[in-house]
Amino acid sequence: MLPRKSSVKVSLLMTQTNDRDTEILGILLEHPFLHDGLTAEGAYNYLLGRTHDDKRQERWKRSSRTLAFWMKKMGFASKRTGDVNKYKWLSKNHEDLVVDSGESF
């Protein structure tokens, strides 16, 4: 049985990033508490504050939950702490954007 075309498109979209994703990721990696781990809601509010003058309709702006999925796609690792997930940057995909926190998960 042949795979459906829509499933192929979804898998390609999940692995590809564009310039805007890299730009947003760069902004997020400047967060002052990145070394402690970010909650999705904290990262969402930080990004909204940094991009409030930008009128683009971007997927991550829909909700903090959507941003959490985007963060996982971009290479953040999540760990459950209490009643929230904390996200840390551990990706090897963008070596030029890696922030060395000196801590491990």
C-alpha atoms as a PDB file:
ATOM      1  CA  MET A   1       0.000   0.000   0.000  1.00  0.00           C
ATOM      2  CA  LEU A   2       1.364   3.426  -0.960  1.00  0.00           C
ATOM      3  CA  PRO A   3       1.603   6.183   1.668  1.00  0.00           C
ATOM      4  CA  ARG A   4      -0.794   9.068   1.290  1.00  0.00           C
ATOM      5  CA  LYS A   5       0.633  12.292  -0.093  1.00  0.00           C
ATOM      6  CA  SER A   6      -0.576  14.362   2.854  1.00  0.00           C
ATOM      7  CA  SER A   7       1.413  12.264   5.343  1.00  0.00           C
ATOM      8  CA  VAL A   8       4.554  12.782   3.270  1.00  0.00           C
ATOM      9  CA  LYS A   9       4.027  16.561   3.262  1.00  0.00           C
ATOM     10  CA  VAL A  10       3.557  16.634   7.021  1.00  0.00           C
ATOM     11  CA  SER A  11       6.764  14.732   7.668  1.00  0.00           C
ATOM     12  CA  LEU A  12       8.691  17.087   5.372  1.00  0.00           C
ATOM     13  CA  LEU A  13       7.275  20.127   7.134  1.00  0.00           C
ATOM     14  CA  MET A  14       8.302  18.781  10.504  1.00  0.00           C
ATOM     15  CA  THR A  15      11.960  18.458   9.503  1.00  0.00           C
ATOM     16  CA  GLN A  16      12.415  21.684   7.557  1.00  0.00           C
ATOM     17  CA  THR A  17      12.962  25.083   9.109  1.00  0.00           C
ATOM     18  CA  ASN A  18      12.921  28.436   7.440  1.00  0.00           C
ATOM     19  CA  ASP A  19      14.772  31.687   8.068  1.00  0.00           C
ATOM     20  CA  ARG A  20      11.993  33.037  10.291  1.00  0.00           C
ATOM     21  CA  ASP A  21      12.141  29.938  12.516  1.00  0.00           C
ATOM     22  CA  THR A  22      15.874  30.501  12.918  1.00  0.00           C
ATOM     23  CA  GLU A  23      15.260  34.177  13.721  1.00  0.00           C
ATOM     24  CA  ILE A  24      12.636  33.348  16.366  1.00  0.00           C
ATOM     25  CA  LEU A  25      14.894  30.644  17.787  1.00  0.00           C
ATOM     26  CA  GLY A  26      17.721  33.175  18.066  1.00  0.00           C
ATOM     27  CA  ILE A  27      15.447  35.540  19.989  1.00  0.00           C
ATOM     28  CA  LEU A  28      14.346  32.734  22.295  1.00  0.00           C
ATOM     29  CA  LEU A  29      17.954  31.711  22.966  1.00  0.00           C
ATOM     30  CA  GLU A  30      18.592  35.234  24.299  1.00  0.00           C
ATOM     31  CA  HIS A  31      16.127  34.635  27.148  1.00  0.00           C
ATOM     32  CA  PRO A  32      17.831  35.573  30.439  1.00  0.00           C
ATOM     33  CA  PHE A  33      16.628  32.412  32.248  1.00  0.00           C
ATOM     34  CA  LEU A  34      17.353  29.932  29.461  1.00  0.00           C
ATOM     35  CA  HIS A  35      19.957  28.177  31.634  1.00  0.00           C
ATOM     36  CA  ASP A  36      17.265  27.303  34.227  1.00  0.00           C
ATOM     37  CA  GLY A  37      14.850  25.983  31.629  1.00  0.00           C
ATOM     38  CA  LEU A  38      11.856  27.753  30.164  1.00  0.00           C
ATOM     39  CA  THR A  39       8.207  27.005  30.587  1.00  0.00           C
ATOM     40  CA  ALA A  40       6.141  27.207  27.418  1.00  0.00           C
ATOM     41  CA  GLU A  41       4.115  30.069  28.858  1.00  0.00           C
ATOM     42  CA  GLY A  42       7.217  31.992  29.918  1.00  0.00           C
ATOM     43  CA  ALA A  43       8.785  31.554  26.489  1.00  0.00           C
ATOM     44  CA  TYR A  44       5.501  32.550  24.832  1.00  0.00           C
ATOM     45  CA  ASN A  45       5.228  35.770  26.829  1.00  0.00           C
ATOM     46  CA  TYR A  46       8.899  36.579  26.216  1.00  0.00           C
ATOM     47  CA  LEU A  47       8.526  36.123  22.456  1.00  0.00           C
ATOM     48  CA  LEU A  48       5.313  38.152  22.349  1.00  0.00           C
ATOM     49  CA  GLY A  49       7.097  40.960  24.164  1.00  0.00           C
ATOM     50  CA  ARG A  50      10.108  40.850  21.844  1.00  0.00           C
ATOM     51  CA  THR A  51       7.998  40.680  18.657  1.00  0.00           C
ATOM     52  CA  HIS A  52       4.999  42.816  19.669  1.00  0.00           C
ATOM     53  CA  ASP A  53       5.513  45.248  16.787  1.00  0.00           C
ATOM     54  CA  ASP A  54       5.675  42.418  14.233  1.00  0.00           C
ATOM     55  CA  LYS A  55       2.271  41.857  12.611  1.00  0.00           C
ATOM     56  CA  ARG A  56       3.066  38.480  11.030  1.00  0.00           C
ATOM     57  CA  GLN A  57       0.562  35.706  11.583  1.00  0.00           C
ATOM     58  CA  GLU A  58       2.831  32.955  12.811  1.00  0.00           C
ATOM     59  CA  ARG A  59       1.826  29.552  14.097  1.00  0.00           C
ATOM     60  CA  TRP A  60       3.640  29.885  17.446  1.00  0.00           C
ATOM     61  CA  LYS A  61       1.579  32.988  18.281  1.00  0.00           C
ATOM     62  CA  ARG A  62      -1.616  30.913  18.568  1.00  0.00           C
ATOM     63  CA  SER A  63      -0.923  29.658  22.103  1.00  0.00           C
ATOM     64  CA  SER A  64       1.793  28.623  24.507  1.00  0.00           C
ATOM     65  CA  ARG A  65       0.923  24.994  23.771  1.00  0.00           C
ATOM     66  CA  THR A  66       1.582  25.539  20.052  1.00  0.00           C
ATOM     67  CA  LEU A  67       4.874  27.196  20.973  1.00  0.00           C
ATOM     68  CA  ALA A  68       5.792  24.155  23.098  1.00  0.00           C
ATOM     69  CA  PHE A  69       5.371  21.865  20.075  1.00  0.00           C
ATOM     70  CA  TRP A  70       7.432  24.296  17.984  1.00  0.00           C
ATOM     71  CA  MET A  71      10.179  24.340  20.632  1.00  0.00           C
ATOM     72  CA  LYS A  72      10.339  20.525  20.597  1.00  0.00           C
ATOM     73  CA  LYS A  73      10.551  20.589  16.800  1.00  0.00           C
ATOM     74  CA  MET A  74      13.396  23.092  16.921  1.00  0.00           C
ATOM     75  CA  GLY A  75      15.497  20.965  19.269  1.00  0.00           C
ATOM     76  CA  PHE A  76      14.562  21.803  22.857  1.00  0.00           C
ATOM     77  CA  ALA A  77      14.446  18.951  25.375  1.00  0.00           C
ATOM     78  CA  SER A  78      11.618  18.897  27.890  1.00  0.00           C
ATOM     79  CA  LYS A  79      11.545  17.696  31.459  1.00  0.00           C
ATOM     80  CA  ARG A  80       8.549  17.544  33.760  1.00  0.00           C
ATOM     81  CA  THR A  81       9.100  19.624  36.905  1.00  0.00           C
ATOM     82  CA  GLY A  82       6.138  19.825  39.213  1.00  0.00           C
ATOM     83  CA  ASP A  83       3.046  20.696  37.250  1.00  0.00           C
ATOM     84  CA  VAL A  84       4.816  22.189  34.195  1.00  0.00           C
ATOM     85  CA  ASN A  85       7.318  21.137  31.568  1.00  0.00           C
ATOM     86  CA  LYS A  86      10.634  22.974  31.400  1.00  0.00           C
ATOM     87  CA  TYR A  87      12.445  23.234  28.086  1.00  0.00           C
ATOM     88  CA  LYS A  88      16.214  23.406  27.691  1.00  0.00           C
ATOM     89  CA  TRP A  89      18.231  23.978  24.560  1.00  0.00           C
ATOM     90  CA  LEU A  90      20.242  20.867  23.726  1.00  0.00           C
ATOM     91  CA  SER A  91      20.156  20.828  19.933  1.00  0.00           C
ATOM     92  CA  LYS A  92      23.192  19.966  17.844  1.00  0.00           C
ATOM     93  CA  ASN A  93      21.432  21.082  14.645  1.00  0.00           C
ATOM     94  CA  HIS A  94      22.351  24.745  15.020  1.00  0.00           C
ATOM     95  CA  GLU A  95      25.858  24.804  16.498  1.00  0.00           C
ATOM     96  CA  ASP A  96      26.080  28.545  15.871  1.00  0.00           C
ATOM     97  CA  LEU A  97      23.092  29.085  18.198  1.00  0.00           C
ATOM     98  CA  VAL A  98      24.068  26.721  21.020  1.00  0.00           C
ATOM     99  CA  VAL A  99      24.118  28.335  24.426  1.00  0.00           C
ATOM    100  CA  ASP A 100      26.406  26.585  26.912  1.00  0.00           C
ATOM    101  CA  SER A 101      24.706  26.651  30.286  1.00  0.00           C
ATOM    102  CA  GLY A 102      27.197  24.390  32.025  1.00  0.00           C
ATOM    103  CA  GLU A 103      24.345  22.235  33.342  1.00  0.00           C
ATOM    104  CA  SER A 104      22.822  19.037  32.086  1.00  0.00           C
ATOM    105  CA  PHE A 105      19.273  17.824  32.297  1.00  0.00           C
END
